[in-house]
Amino acid sequence: MKKLMIYTMTALFAMIAVSIAAPDKDAMMAKEYAAWQAFKDKNAADFKKVVAADFLGVYAEGVSDMKKELDNMQKWDMKSFAISEYTALASGADTMMSTYKVAVEGTYDGKDASGTYNAGSVWKMKNGAWQAIFHTNVMVESSAELTGQLPVPSPAIEQPTEETMMPPDGMARKLQAIQTLPPEEKVKKLQELSGLSPAQNLQNQQQQQSPNSK
């Protein structure tokens, strides 16, 4: 009976530990939403409840930390945000990773920053509460922007023609004239044009046919 009680208590504690250490997706999404809501409302106190003091972020503008996040919070005038396609994955007992899309409407430092962002966060259990220790988001580029980044096709390369491949003027006329000659005369004329006399050509052929002397 005593052993049964011990096993029962052990299993109960294990179940409690798992339930605390690994919250479901909806619970993590609620944490994510709370961080965005605090940022939108410029509520630094609520923001610090769900974002760790040693937080780090990576954005297109550069690397961020808690101080920069609070500074940027004041530069944002966020009208609305909407989280979708949320996914959360546990990595060990005290770490969660999440990815999602967030549609934002608002301005940053007076400039329109509205758009859909691909986002990701890392959450860690600290002092009995889940806090974000890392976050990143990058705006999804529109089809028009992507098209604008495609390499511009290079002009079609003109295929060489008989005329463009033909040697300049005088030589061209000579070669054209040679094509009309009988075979033996054609060979002779080509040898002359190449700077090789018939006698030299015969000598080269004999040297190629004779064995090398030592």
N, C-alpha and C. Protein backbone atom coordinates (compact mmCIF):
# COMPACT_ATOMS: atom_id res chain seq x y z
N MET A 1 0.83 -1.20 0.00
CA MET A 1 0.00 0.00 0.00
C MET A 1 0.87 1.26 0.00
N LYS A 2 1.94 1.21 0.78
CA LYS A 2 2.84 2.34 0.88
C LYS A 2 3.51 2.60 -0.47
N LYS A 3 3.96 1.48 -1.14
CA LYS A 3 4.60 1.61 -2.43
C LYS A 3 3.62 2.17 -3.47
N LEU A 4 2.37 1.71 -3.42
CA LEU A 4 1.35 2.18 -4.35
C LEU A 4 1.13 3.68 -4.18
N MET A 5 1.12 4.14 -2.94
CA MET A 5 0.94 5.57 -2.66
C MET A 5 2.10 6.39 -3.23
N ILE A 6 3.31 5.85 -3.08
CA ILE A 6 4.49 6.55 -3.59
C ILE A 6 4.42 6.66 -5.11
N TYR A 7 4.06 5.56 -5.79
CA TYR A 7 3.96 5.56 -7.25
C TYR A 7 2.90 6.55 -7.72
N THR A 8 1.78 6.57 -6.98
CA THR A 8 0.67 7.45 -7.35
C THR A 8 1.09 8.92 -7.22
N MET A 9 1.77 9.25 -6.11
CA MET A 9 2.20 10.63 -5.88
C MET A 9 3.26 11.04 -6.91
N THR A 10 4.16 10.10 -7.23
CA THR A 10 5.20 10.39 -8.22
C THR A 10 4.58 10.69 -9.58
N ALA A 11 3.60 9.88 -9.98
CA ALA A 11 2.93 10.09 -11.26
C ALA A 11 2.18 11.41 -11.26
N LEU A 12 1.58 11.75 -10.13
CA LEU A 12 0.83 13.01 -10.01
C LEU A 12 1.76 14.20 -10.15
N PHE A 13 2.88 14.16 -9.45
CA PHE A 13 3.84 15.26 -9.54
C PHE A 13 4.40 15.39 -10.95
N ALA A 14 4.62 14.25 -11.61
CA ALA A 14 5.14 14.28 -12.98
C ALA A 14 4.14 14.93 -13.92
N MET A 15 2.87 14.60 -13.75
CA MET A 15 1.83 15.19 -14.59
C MET A 15 1.72 16.70 -14.35
N ILE A 16 1.83 17.09 -13.07
CA ILE A 16 1.77 18.52 -12.75
C ILE A 16 2.95 19.26 -13.36
N ALA A 17 4.15 18.64 -13.28
CA ALA A 17 5.35 19.27 -13.82
C ALA A 17 5.25 19.44 -15.33
N VAL A 18 4.74 18.42 -16.01
CA VAL A 18 4.60 18.48 -17.46
C VAL A 18 3.59 19.55 -17.85
N SER A 19 2.48 19.61 -17.11
CA SER A 19 1.44 20.59 -17.44
C SER A 19 1.93 22.03 -17.23
N ILE A 20 2.82 22.21 -16.23
CA ILE A 20 3.36 23.54 -15.96
C ILE A 20 4.45 23.90 -16.98
N ALA A 21 5.31 22.92 -17.28
CA ALA A 21 6.46 23.19 -18.13
C ALA A 21 6.09 23.29 -19.60
N ALA A 22 5.05 22.65 -20.03
CA ALA A 22 4.71 22.63 -21.44
C ALA A 22 3.28 23.11 -21.66
N PRO A 23 3.07 24.40 -21.70
CA PRO A 23 1.73 24.93 -21.93
C PRO A 23 1.26 24.61 -23.35
N ASP A 24 -0.04 24.62 -23.55
CA ASP A 24 -0.54 24.33 -24.89
C ASP A 24 -0.36 25.54 -25.80
N LYS A 25 -0.67 25.33 -27.08
CA LYS A 25 -0.45 26.37 -28.08
C LYS A 25 -1.26 27.62 -27.78
N ASP A 26 -2.50 27.44 -27.34
CA ASP A 26 -3.36 28.60 -27.06
C ASP A 26 -2.79 29.45 -25.92
N ALA A 27 -2.21 28.79 -24.91
CA ALA A 27 -1.64 29.53 -23.78
C ALA A 27 -0.44 30.36 -24.23
N MET A 28 0.40 29.77 -25.10
CA MET A 28 1.57 30.50 -25.58
C MET A 28 1.15 31.64 -26.51
N MET A 29 0.12 31.39 -27.30
CA MET A 29 -0.37 32.44 -28.19
C MET A 29 -0.91 33.62 -27.39
N ALA A 30 -1.53 33.32 -26.24
CA ALA A 30 -2.03 34.37 -25.37
C ALA A 30 -0.88 35.21 -24.82
N LYS A 31 0.25 34.56 -24.50
CA LYS A 31 1.43 35.29 -24.05
C LYS A 31 1.95 36.20 -25.16
N GLU A 32 2.00 35.64 -26.37
CA GLU A 32 2.48 36.41 -27.52
C GLU A 32 1.58 37.63 -27.74
N TYR A 33 0.28 37.40 -27.65
CA TYR A 33 -0.69 38.48 -27.84
C TYR A 33 -0.50 39.56 -26.77
N ALA A 34 -0.24 39.13 -25.54
CA ALA A 34 -0.06 40.09 -24.44
C ALA A 34 1.15 40.98 -24.69
N ALA A 35 2.23 40.40 -25.24
CA ALA A 35 3.42 41.20 -25.54
C ALA A 35 3.13 42.23 -26.62
N TRP A 36 2.42 41.82 -27.66
CA TRP A 36 2.07 42.76 -28.73
C TRP A 36 1.12 43.85 -28.24
N GLN A 37 0.16 43.45 -27.39
CA GLN A 37 -0.80 44.43 -26.89
C GLN A 37 -0.12 45.48 -26.01
N ALA A 38 0.80 45.03 -25.17
CA ALA A 38 1.53 45.97 -24.32
C ALA A 38 2.38 46.91 -25.17
N PHE A 39 2.98 46.38 -26.22
CA PHE A 39 3.79 47.21 -27.12
C PHE A 39 2.90 48.24 -27.82
N LYS A 40 1.76 47.78 -28.31
CA LYS A 40 0.83 48.68 -29.00
C LYS A 40 0.35 49.80 -28.08
N ASP A 41 0.06 49.43 -26.82
CA ASP A 41 -0.46 50.39 -25.85
C ASP A 41 0.65 51.24 -25.22
N LYS A 42 1.90 50.96 -25.59
CA LYS A 42 3.06 51.66 -25.01
C LYS A 42 3.09 51.49 -23.49
N ASN A 43 2.74 50.28 -23.05
CA ASN A 43 2.69 49.96 -21.63
C ASN A 43 3.95 49.18 -21.26
N ALA A 44 4.97 49.89 -20.82
CA ALA A 44 6.25 49.26 -20.53
C ALA A 44 6.16 48.26 -19.38
N ALA A 45 5.33 48.56 -18.37
CA ALA A 45 5.21 47.67 -17.21
C ALA A 45 4.65 46.31 -17.62
N ASP A 46 3.57 46.31 -18.41
CA ASP A 46 3.00 45.04 -18.87
C ASP A 46 3.93 44.32 -19.82
N PHE A 47 4.66 45.09 -20.63
CA PHE A 47 5.60 44.51 -21.58
C PHE A 47 6.68 43.73 -20.84
N LYS A 48 7.18 44.29 -19.75
CA LYS A 48 8.24 43.64 -18.98
C LYS A 48 7.76 42.39 -18.25
N LYS A 49 6.45 42.25 -18.08
CA LYS A 49 5.92 41.05 -17.42
C LYS A 49 6.06 39.82 -18.30
N VAL A 50 6.03 40.02 -19.62
CA VAL A 50 6.09 38.87 -20.53
C VAL A 50 7.37 38.84 -21.38
N VAL A 51 8.19 39.86 -21.26
CA VAL A 51 9.45 39.91 -22.00
C VAL A 51 10.60 40.03 -21.01
N ALA A 52 11.59 39.16 -21.15
CA ALA A 52 12.69 39.09 -20.18
C ALA A 52 13.59 40.33 -20.27
N ALA A 53 14.20 40.65 -19.13
CA ALA A 53 15.09 41.81 -19.08
C ALA A 53 16.31 41.64 -19.99
N ASP A 54 16.75 40.37 -20.19
CA ASP A 54 17.90 40.09 -21.04
C ASP A 54 17.47 39.72 -22.47
N PHE A 55 16.30 40.18 -22.86
CA PHE A 55 15.74 39.93 -24.18
C PHE A 55 16.66 40.41 -25.30
N LEU A 56 16.66 39.66 -26.41
CA LEU A 56 17.36 40.07 -27.63
C LEU A 56 16.42 39.94 -28.81
N GLY A 57 16.57 40.83 -29.78
CA GLY A 57 15.74 40.78 -30.98
C GLY A 57 16.59 41.04 -32.21
N VAL A 58 16.15 40.50 -33.34
CA VAL A 58 16.84 40.71 -34.61
C VAL A 58 15.80 41.14 -35.64
N TYR A 59 16.04 42.29 -36.26
CA TYR A 59 15.11 42.84 -37.25
C TYR A 59 15.90 43.32 -38.45
N ALA A 60 15.18 43.75 -39.49
CA ALA A 60 15.85 44.25 -40.69
C ALA A 60 16.70 45.47 -40.35
N GLU A 61 16.28 46.24 -39.34
CA GLU A 61 17.00 47.46 -38.96
C GLU A 61 18.24 47.17 -38.13
N GLY A 62 18.31 45.97 -37.54
CA GLY A 62 19.47 45.64 -36.72
C GLY A 62 19.11 44.82 -35.49
N VAL A 63 20.06 44.69 -34.58
CA VAL A 63 19.88 43.91 -33.35
C VAL A 63 19.29 44.81 -32.26
N SER A 64 18.43 44.22 -31.43
CA SER A 64 17.74 44.99 -30.39
C SER A 64 17.88 44.32 -29.03
N ASP A 65 17.64 45.10 -27.98
CA ASP A 65 17.57 44.58 -26.61
C ASP A 65 16.40 45.26 -25.92
N MET A 66 16.25 45.05 -24.63
CA MET A 66 15.10 45.59 -23.92
C MET A 66 15.06 47.12 -24.03
N LYS A 67 16.19 47.78 -23.85
CA LYS A 67 16.22 49.24 -23.92
C LYS A 67 15.75 49.74 -25.29
N LYS A 68 16.26 49.13 -26.35
CA LYS A 68 15.88 49.54 -27.69
C LYS A 68 14.41 49.25 -27.97
N GLU A 69 13.91 48.13 -27.42
CA GLU A 69 12.49 47.80 -27.60
C GLU A 69 11.61 48.89 -26.98
N LEU A 70 11.98 49.34 -25.78
CA LEU A 70 11.19 50.37 -25.11
C LEU A 70 11.30 51.72 -25.84
N ASP A 71 12.48 51.98 -26.40
CA ASP A 71 12.65 53.21 -27.19
C ASP A 71 11.80 53.14 -28.46
N ASN A 72 11.83 52.00 -29.14
CA ASN A 72 11.05 51.84 -30.37
C ASN A 72 9.55 51.86 -30.10
N MET A 73 9.18 51.41 -28.93
CA MET A 73 7.77 51.41 -28.54
C MET A 73 7.18 52.83 -28.64
N GLN A 74 7.98 53.82 -28.27
CA GLN A 74 7.51 55.20 -28.30
C GLN A 74 7.45 55.75 -29.73
N LYS A 75 8.22 55.16 -30.64
CA LYS A 75 8.23 55.63 -32.02
C LYS A 75 7.10 55.02 -32.85
N TRP A 76 6.52 53.94 -32.32
CA TRP A 76 5.43 53.27 -33.04
C TRP A 76 4.09 53.92 -32.71
N ASP A 77 3.27 54.04 -33.74
CA ASP A 77 1.86 54.39 -33.55
C ASP A 77 1.07 53.25 -34.19
N MET A 78 0.89 52.17 -33.42
CA MET A 78 0.27 50.96 -33.94
C MET A 78 -1.25 51.03 -33.77
N LYS A 79 -1.96 50.97 -34.88
CA LYS A 79 -3.42 51.04 -34.86
C LYS A 79 -4.03 49.68 -34.54
N SER A 80 -3.44 48.63 -35.11
CA SER A 80 -3.99 47.28 -34.89
C SER A 80 -2.94 46.23 -35.24
N PHE A 81 -3.17 45.01 -34.74
CA PHE A 81 -2.34 43.87 -35.12
C PHE A 81 -3.20 42.61 -35.04
N ALA A 82 -2.88 41.62 -35.84
CA ALA A 82 -3.64 40.36 -35.86
C ALA A 82 -2.67 39.21 -36.09
N ILE A 83 -2.65 38.25 -35.17
CA ILE A 83 -1.76 37.10 -35.24
C ILE A 83 -2.48 35.94 -35.93
N SER A 84 -1.78 35.25 -36.82
CA SER A 84 -2.36 34.09 -37.51
C SER A 84 -1.27 33.04 -37.76
N GLU A 85 -1.72 31.85 -38.16
CA GLU A 85 -0.81 30.73 -38.48
C GLU A 85 0.18 30.48 -37.33
N TYR A 86 -0.33 30.52 -36.13
CA TYR A 86 0.54 30.39 -34.95
C TYR A 86 0.90 28.93 -34.70
N THR A 87 2.19 28.69 -34.46
CA THR A 87 2.70 27.35 -34.15
C THR A 87 3.67 27.46 -32.99
N ALA A 88 3.56 26.54 -32.03
CA ALA A 88 4.47 26.53 -30.88
C ALA A 88 5.05 25.13 -30.71
N LEU A 89 6.32 25.09 -30.34
CA LEU A 89 7.02 23.82 -30.20
C LEU A 89 7.91 23.86 -28.96
N ALA A 90 7.79 22.82 -28.12
CA ALA A 90 8.61 22.75 -26.91
C ALA A 90 10.01 22.26 -27.24
N SER A 91 11.01 22.84 -26.58
CA SER A 91 12.39 22.38 -26.70
C SER A 91 12.92 22.20 -25.28
N GLY A 92 12.73 21.02 -24.74
CA GLY A 92 13.06 20.79 -23.34
C GLY A 92 11.89 21.19 -22.45
N ALA A 93 12.12 21.14 -21.15
CA ALA A 93 11.05 21.40 -20.20
C ALA A 93 10.78 22.87 -19.97
N ASP A 94 11.75 23.74 -20.29
CA ASP A 94 11.58 25.14 -19.93
C ASP A 94 11.76 26.10 -21.11
N THR A 95 11.67 25.59 -22.34
CA THR A 95 11.86 26.45 -23.52
C THR A 95 10.80 26.15 -24.57
N MET A 96 10.23 27.21 -25.13
CA MET A 96 9.24 27.08 -26.19
C MET A 96 9.65 27.97 -27.36
N MET A 97 9.39 27.50 -28.56
CA MET A 97 9.64 28.29 -29.77
C MET A 97 8.32 28.47 -30.50
N SER A 98 8.15 29.65 -31.09
CA SER A 98 6.90 29.91 -31.81
C SER A 98 7.19 30.61 -33.13
N THR A 99 6.34 30.34 -34.12
CA THR A 99 6.40 31.05 -35.39
C THR A 99 4.97 31.43 -35.76
N TYR A 100 4.82 32.54 -36.46
CA TYR A 100 3.50 33.00 -36.85
C TYR A 100 3.60 34.16 -37.82
N LYS A 101 2.45 34.57 -38.31
CA LYS A 101 2.35 35.80 -39.11
C LYS A 101 1.59 36.83 -38.29
N VAL A 102 1.95 38.09 -38.46
CA VAL A 102 1.23 39.16 -37.77
C VAL A 102 1.00 40.30 -38.75
N ALA A 103 -0.27 40.65 -38.92
CA ALA A 103 -0.63 41.77 -39.79
C ALA A 103 -0.71 43.03 -38.94
N VAL A 104 0.10 44.02 -39.29
CA VAL A 104 0.21 45.24 -38.49
C VAL A 104 -0.26 46.43 -39.32
N GLU A 105 -0.99 47.32 -38.67
CA GLU A 105 -1.36 48.59 -39.28
C GLU A 105 -0.86 49.71 -38.39
N GLY A 106 -0.02 50.56 -38.92
CA GLY A 106 0.51 51.65 -38.13
C GLY A 106 1.71 52.31 -38.77
N THR A 107 2.30 53.24 -38.05
CA THR A 107 3.47 53.96 -38.53
C THR A 107 4.61 53.83 -37.54
N TYR A 108 5.83 53.91 -38.05
CA TYR A 108 7.03 53.90 -37.21
C TYR A 108 7.84 55.15 -37.52
N ASP A 109 8.04 55.96 -36.51
CA ASP A 109 8.80 57.20 -36.68
C ASP A 109 8.20 58.06 -37.79
N GLY A 110 6.86 58.05 -37.85
CA GLY A 110 6.15 58.88 -38.82
C GLY A 110 6.00 58.27 -40.20
N LYS A 111 6.59 57.11 -40.43
CA LYS A 111 6.51 56.47 -41.75
C LYS A 111 5.64 55.21 -41.68
N ASP A 112 4.88 54.99 -42.74
CA ASP A 112 3.99 53.83 -42.78
C ASP A 112 4.78 52.54 -42.66
N ALA A 113 4.39 51.70 -41.71
CA ALA A 113 5.06 50.42 -41.50
C ALA A 113 4.03 49.29 -41.54
N SER A 114 2.88 49.56 -42.13
CA SER A 114 1.82 48.56 -42.21
C SER A 114 2.24 47.41 -43.12
N GLY A 115 1.78 46.22 -42.79
CA GLY A 115 2.10 45.06 -43.62
C GLY A 115 1.99 43.79 -42.82
N THR A 116 2.25 42.69 -43.49
CA THR A 116 2.27 41.37 -42.84
C THR A 116 3.71 40.97 -42.59
N TYR A 117 3.97 40.51 -41.37
CA TYR A 117 5.33 40.15 -40.97
C TYR A 117 5.41 38.65 -40.64
N ASN A 118 6.48 38.00 -41.07
CA ASN A 118 6.81 36.66 -40.59
C ASN A 118 7.55 36.84 -39.26
N ALA A 119 7.06 36.18 -38.22
CA ALA A 119 7.62 36.41 -36.88
C ALA A 119 7.97 35.10 -36.18
N GLY A 120 8.87 35.21 -35.23
CA GLY A 120 9.25 34.06 -34.43
C GLY A 120 9.74 34.50 -33.06
N SER A 121 9.48 33.69 -32.04
CA SER A 121 9.90 34.02 -30.67
C SER A 121 10.44 32.78 -29.98
N VAL A 122 11.27 33.03 -28.98
CA VAL A 122 11.73 31.96 -28.08
C VAL A 122 11.31 32.36 -26.68
N TRP A 123 10.62 31.45 -26.00
CA TRP A 123 10.13 31.70 -24.64
C TRP A 123 10.83 30.77 -23.67
N LYS A 124 11.11 31.31 -22.47
CA LYS A 124 11.79 30.50 -21.45
C LYS A 124 11.10 30.68 -20.11
N MET A 125 11.02 29.59 -19.35
CA MET A 125 10.45 29.66 -18.01
C MET A 125 11.45 30.34 -17.07
N LYS A 126 11.06 31.51 -16.53
CA LYS A 126 11.91 32.25 -15.61
C LYS A 126 11.12 32.60 -14.36
N ASN A 127 11.61 32.16 -13.23
CA ASN A 127 10.96 32.45 -11.94
C ASN A 127 9.48 32.07 -11.96
N GLY A 128 9.20 30.91 -12.56
CA GLY A 128 7.83 30.39 -12.54
C GLY A 128 6.91 31.00 -13.59
N ALA A 129 7.44 31.80 -14.51
CA ALA A 129 6.60 32.42 -15.54
C ALA A 129 7.31 32.37 -16.88
N TRP A 130 6.52 32.25 -17.95
CA TRP A 130 7.07 32.24 -19.30
C TRP A 130 7.36 33.67 -19.75
N GLN A 131 8.60 33.88 -20.22
CA GLN A 131 8.98 35.19 -20.73
C GLN A 131 9.70 35.03 -22.07
N ALA A 132 9.47 35.99 -22.96
CA ALA A 132 10.14 35.97 -24.26
C ALA A 132 11.59 36.41 -24.09
N ILE A 133 12.51 35.58 -24.58
CA ILE A 133 13.93 35.93 -24.49
C ILE A 133 14.50 36.30 -25.87
N PHE A 134 13.72 36.01 -26.93
CA PHE A 134 14.17 36.34 -28.27
C PHE A 134 12.96 36.54 -29.17
N HIS A 135 13.09 37.48 -30.11
CA HIS A 135 12.01 37.70 -31.09
C HIS A 135 12.61 38.26 -32.37
N THR A 136 11.97 37.91 -33.48
CA THR A 136 12.34 38.47 -34.77
C THR A 136 11.11 38.58 -35.64
N ASN A 137 11.08 39.57 -36.51
CA ASN A 137 10.02 39.64 -37.51
C ASN A 137 10.53 40.38 -38.74
N VAL A 138 10.08 39.94 -39.88
CA VAL A 138 10.50 40.51 -41.17
C VAL A 138 9.26 40.68 -42.03
N MET A 139 9.11 41.85 -42.62
CA MET A 139 7.93 42.11 -43.44
C MET A 139 7.91 41.22 -44.67
N VAL A 140 6.73 40.68 -44.97
CA VAL A 140 6.55 39.87 -46.17
C VAL A 140 6.50 40.80 -47.36
N GLU A 141 7.33 40.54 -48.35
CA GLU A 141 7.37 41.41 -49.52
C GLU A 141 6.20 41.11 -50.45
N SER A 142 5.67 42.15 -51.05
CA SER A 142 4.55 41.99 -51.97
C SER A 142 5.03 41.42 -53.28
N SER A 143 4.09 40.94 -54.10
CA SER A 143 4.44 40.36 -55.41
C SER A 143 5.13 41.39 -56.28
N ALA A 144 4.66 42.65 -56.20
CA ALA A 144 5.27 43.71 -57.02
C ALA A 144 6.71 43.94 -56.63
N GLU A 145 6.99 43.92 -55.30
CA GLU A 145 8.36 44.13 -54.83
C GLU A 145 9.25 42.98 -55.26
N LEU A 146 8.72 41.75 -55.18
CA LEU A 146 9.51 40.60 -55.57
C LEU A 146 9.82 40.64 -57.05
N THR A 147 8.83 41.07 -57.88
CA THR A 147 9.05 41.17 -59.31
C THR A 147 10.12 42.20 -59.61
N GLY A 148 10.11 43.28 -58.83
CA GLY A 148 11.10 44.33 -59.04
C GLY A 148 12.51 43.88 -58.72
N GLN A 149 12.65 42.83 -57.89
CA GLN A 149 13.98 42.36 -57.51
C GLN A 149 14.51 41.30 -58.46
N LEU A 150 13.66 40.80 -59.37
CA LEU A 150 14.12 39.79 -60.29
C LEU A 150 15.18 40.36 -61.22
N PRO A 151 16.18 39.59 -61.57
CA PRO A 151 17.22 40.11 -62.47
C PRO A 151 16.63 40.47 -63.82
N VAL A 152 17.09 41.59 -64.36
CA VAL A 152 16.62 42.04 -65.67
C VAL A 152 17.23 41.16 -66.74
N PRO A 153 16.39 40.58 -67.64
CA PRO A 153 16.94 39.71 -68.68
C PRO A 153 17.96 40.48 -69.53
N SER A 154 19.07 39.83 -69.81
CA SER A 154 20.09 40.47 -70.64
C SER A 154 19.65 40.44 -72.09
N PRO A 155 20.08 41.41 -72.88
CA PRO A 155 19.71 41.43 -74.30
C PRO A 155 20.11 40.13 -74.98
N ALA A 156 19.28 39.69 -75.91
CA ALA A 156 19.57 38.45 -76.62
C ALA A 156 20.90 38.58 -77.37
N ILE A 157 21.72 37.57 -77.24
CA ILE A 157 23.01 37.58 -77.91
C ILE A 157 22.81 37.25 -79.38
N GLU A 158 23.25 38.14 -80.23
CA GLU A 158 23.08 37.94 -81.67
C GLU A 158 23.96 36.79 -82.15
N GLN A 159 23.33 35.83 -82.80
CA GLN A 159 24.08 34.70 -83.31
C GLN A 159 24.93 35.14 -84.49
N PRO A 160 26.17 34.66 -84.57
CA PRO A 160 27.03 35.07 -85.69
C PRO A 160 26.49 34.55 -87.02
N THR A 161 26.57 35.36 -88.03
CA THR A 161 26.13 34.99 -89.38
C THR A 161 27.36 34.82 -90.25
N GLU A 162 27.13 34.38 -91.45
CA GLU A 162 28.24 34.18 -92.38
C GLU A 162 28.95 35.49 -92.64
N GLU A 163 28.16 36.59 -92.66
CA GLU A 163 28.75 37.89 -92.94
C GLU A 163 29.59 38.38 -91.77
N THR A 164 29.04 38.20 -90.51
CA THR A 164 29.78 38.70 -89.35
C THR A 164 31.03 37.87 -89.07
N MET A 165 31.02 36.59 -89.50
CA MET A 165 32.18 35.74 -89.28
C MET A 165 33.24 35.91 -90.36
N MET A 166 32.88 36.54 -91.45
CA MET A 166 33.79 36.69 -92.58
C MET A 166 34.91 37.68 -92.24
N PRO A 167 36.15 37.37 -92.58
CA PRO A 167 37.25 38.31 -92.36
C PRO A 167 37.02 39.61 -93.13
N PRO A 168 37.70 40.66 -92.75
CA PRO A 168 37.50 41.97 -93.38
C PRO A 168 37.78 41.95 -94.87
N ASP A 169 37.03 42.81 -95.51
CA ASP A 169 37.06 43.15 -96.94
C ASP A 169 37.98 42.30 -97.83
N GLY A 170 39.28 42.72 -98.00
CA GLY A 170 40.16 42.09 -98.98
C GLY A 170 40.26 40.59 -98.80
N MET A 171 40.47 40.13 -97.58
CA MET A 171 40.59 38.71 -97.30
C MET A 171 39.29 37.99 -97.63
N ALA A 172 38.16 38.62 -97.34
CA ALA A 172 36.86 38.01 -97.62
C ALA A 172 36.70 37.74 -99.11
N ARG A 173 37.09 38.71 -99.92
CA ARG A 173 36.96 38.54 -101.36
C ARG A 173 37.87 37.41 -101.87
N LYS A 174 39.07 37.33 -101.30
CA LYS A 174 39.99 36.28 -101.72
C LYS A 174 39.45 34.90 -101.37
N LEU A 175 38.91 34.75 -100.15
CA LEU A 175 38.37 33.46 -99.74
C LEU A 175 37.17 33.06 -100.58
N GLN A 176 36.32 34.03 -100.88
CA GLN A 176 35.17 33.74 -101.72
C GLN A 176 35.61 33.29 -103.11
N ALA A 177 36.66 33.93 -103.64
CA ALA A 177 37.16 33.56 -104.96
C ALA A 177 37.76 32.16 -104.94
N ILE A 178 38.45 31.80 -103.84
CA ILE A 178 39.08 30.49 -103.74
C ILE A 178 38.04 29.37 -103.77
N GLN A 179 36.85 29.61 -103.22
CA GLN A 179 35.83 28.57 -103.16
C GLN A 179 35.38 28.11 -104.55
N THR A 180 35.63 28.92 -105.54
CA THR A 180 35.20 28.57 -106.90
C THR A 180 36.27 27.79 -107.67
N LEU A 181 37.47 27.65 -107.13
CA LEU A 181 38.58 26.99 -107.82
C LEU A 181 38.49 25.48 -107.71
N PRO A 182 39.17 24.76 -108.62
CA PRO A 182 39.26 23.30 -108.51
C PRO A 182 39.98 22.92 -107.22
N PRO A 183 39.77 21.70 -106.71
CA PRO A 183 40.33 21.29 -105.42
C PRO A 183 41.83 21.53 -105.27
N GLU A 184 42.65 21.09 -106.27
CA GLU A 184 44.09 21.23 -106.13
C GLU A 184 44.49 22.70 -106.08
N GLU A 185 43.85 23.50 -106.96
CA GLU A 185 44.17 24.92 -106.98
C GLU A 185 43.71 25.60 -105.69
N LYS A 186 42.59 25.12 -105.16
CA LYS A 186 42.05 25.69 -103.91
C LYS A 186 43.04 25.48 -102.78
N VAL A 187 43.62 24.23 -102.68
CA VAL A 187 44.59 23.93 -101.62
C VAL A 187 45.81 24.83 -101.75
N LYS A 188 46.28 24.99 -102.99
CA LYS A 188 47.46 25.80 -103.24
C LYS A 188 47.24 27.25 -102.80
N LYS A 189 46.08 27.81 -103.17
CA LYS A 189 45.78 29.19 -102.81
C LYS A 189 45.65 29.38 -101.30
N LEU A 190 45.03 28.39 -100.64
CA LEU A 190 44.88 28.48 -99.18
C LEU A 190 46.23 28.43 -98.49
N GLN A 191 47.16 27.62 -99.05
CA GLN A 191 48.50 27.55 -98.49
C GLN A 191 49.22 28.88 -98.65
N GLU A 192 49.01 29.51 -99.79
CA GLU A 192 49.64 30.80 -100.03
C GLU A 192 49.10 31.86 -99.08
N LEU A 193 47.79 31.83 -98.86
CA LEU A 193 47.20 32.80 -97.94
C LEU A 193 47.68 32.60 -96.51
N SER A 194 47.95 31.33 -96.16
CA SER A 194 48.41 31.05 -94.79
C SER A 194 49.88 31.33 -94.61
N GLY A 195 50.56 31.71 -95.72
CA GLY A 195 51.99 32.02 -95.64
C GLY A 195 52.86 30.82 -95.76
N LEU A 196 52.30 29.71 -96.23
CA LEU A 196 53.06 28.48 -96.37
C LEU A 196 53.10 28.10 -97.83
N SER A 197 54.33 28.01 -98.41
CA SER A 197 54.48 27.66 -99.82
C SER A 197 54.26 26.18 -100.01
N PRO A 198 53.95 25.73 -101.22
CA PRO A 198 53.78 24.29 -101.48
C PRO A 198 55.00 23.49 -101.10
N ALA A 199 56.20 24.03 -101.37
CA ALA A 199 57.43 23.31 -101.02
C ALA A 199 57.55 23.13 -99.51
N GLN A 200 57.25 24.19 -98.77
CA GLN A 200 57.31 24.10 -97.30
C GLN A 200 56.28 23.11 -96.79
N ASN A 201 55.11 23.10 -97.38
CA ASN A 201 54.06 22.19 -96.95
C ASN A 201 54.47 20.75 -97.18
N LEU A 202 55.12 20.48 -98.38
CA LEU A 202 55.59 19.13 -98.67
C LEU A 202 56.66 18.72 -97.69
N GLN A 203 57.57 19.65 -97.36
CA GLN A 203 58.64 19.35 -96.40
C GLN A 203 58.07 19.01 -95.03
N ASN A 204 57.06 19.75 -94.58
CA ASN A 204 56.43 19.50 -93.27
C ASN A 204 55.77 18.14 -93.26
N GLN A 205 55.13 17.78 -94.39
CA GLN A 205 54.46 16.47 -94.45
C GLN A 205 55.47 15.35 -94.36
N GLN A 206 56.66 15.49 -95.05
CA GLN A 206 57.69 14.46 -95.02
C GLN A 206 58.28 14.32 -93.63
N GLN A 207 58.44 15.46 -92.93
CA GLN A 207 58.99 15.40 -91.57
C GLN A 207 58.03 14.71 -90.62
N GLN A 208 56.74 14.93 -90.83
CA GLN A 208 55.72 14.31 -89.95
C GLN A 208 55.66 12.79 -90.19
N GLN A 209 55.92 12.37 -91.49
CA GLN A 209 55.82 10.95 -91.82
C GLN A 209 57.07 10.17 -91.43
N SER A 210 58.30 10.83 -91.43
CA SER A 210 59.54 10.15 -91.13
C SER A 210 59.69 9.95 -89.63
N PRO A 211 60.33 8.82 -89.17
CA PRO A 211 60.53 8.60 -87.74
C PRO A 211 61.49 9.58 -87.15
N ASN A 212 61.33 9.89 -85.88
CA ASN A 212 62.20 10.85 -85.19
C ASN A 212 63.60 10.24 -85.04
N SER A 213 64.61 11.02 -85.33
CA SER A 213 66.00 10.56 -85.15
C SER A 213 66.48 10.98 -83.78
N LYS A 214 67.39 10.15 -83.18
CA LYS A 214 67.94 10.46 -81.88
C LYS A 214 69.29 11.09 -82.04
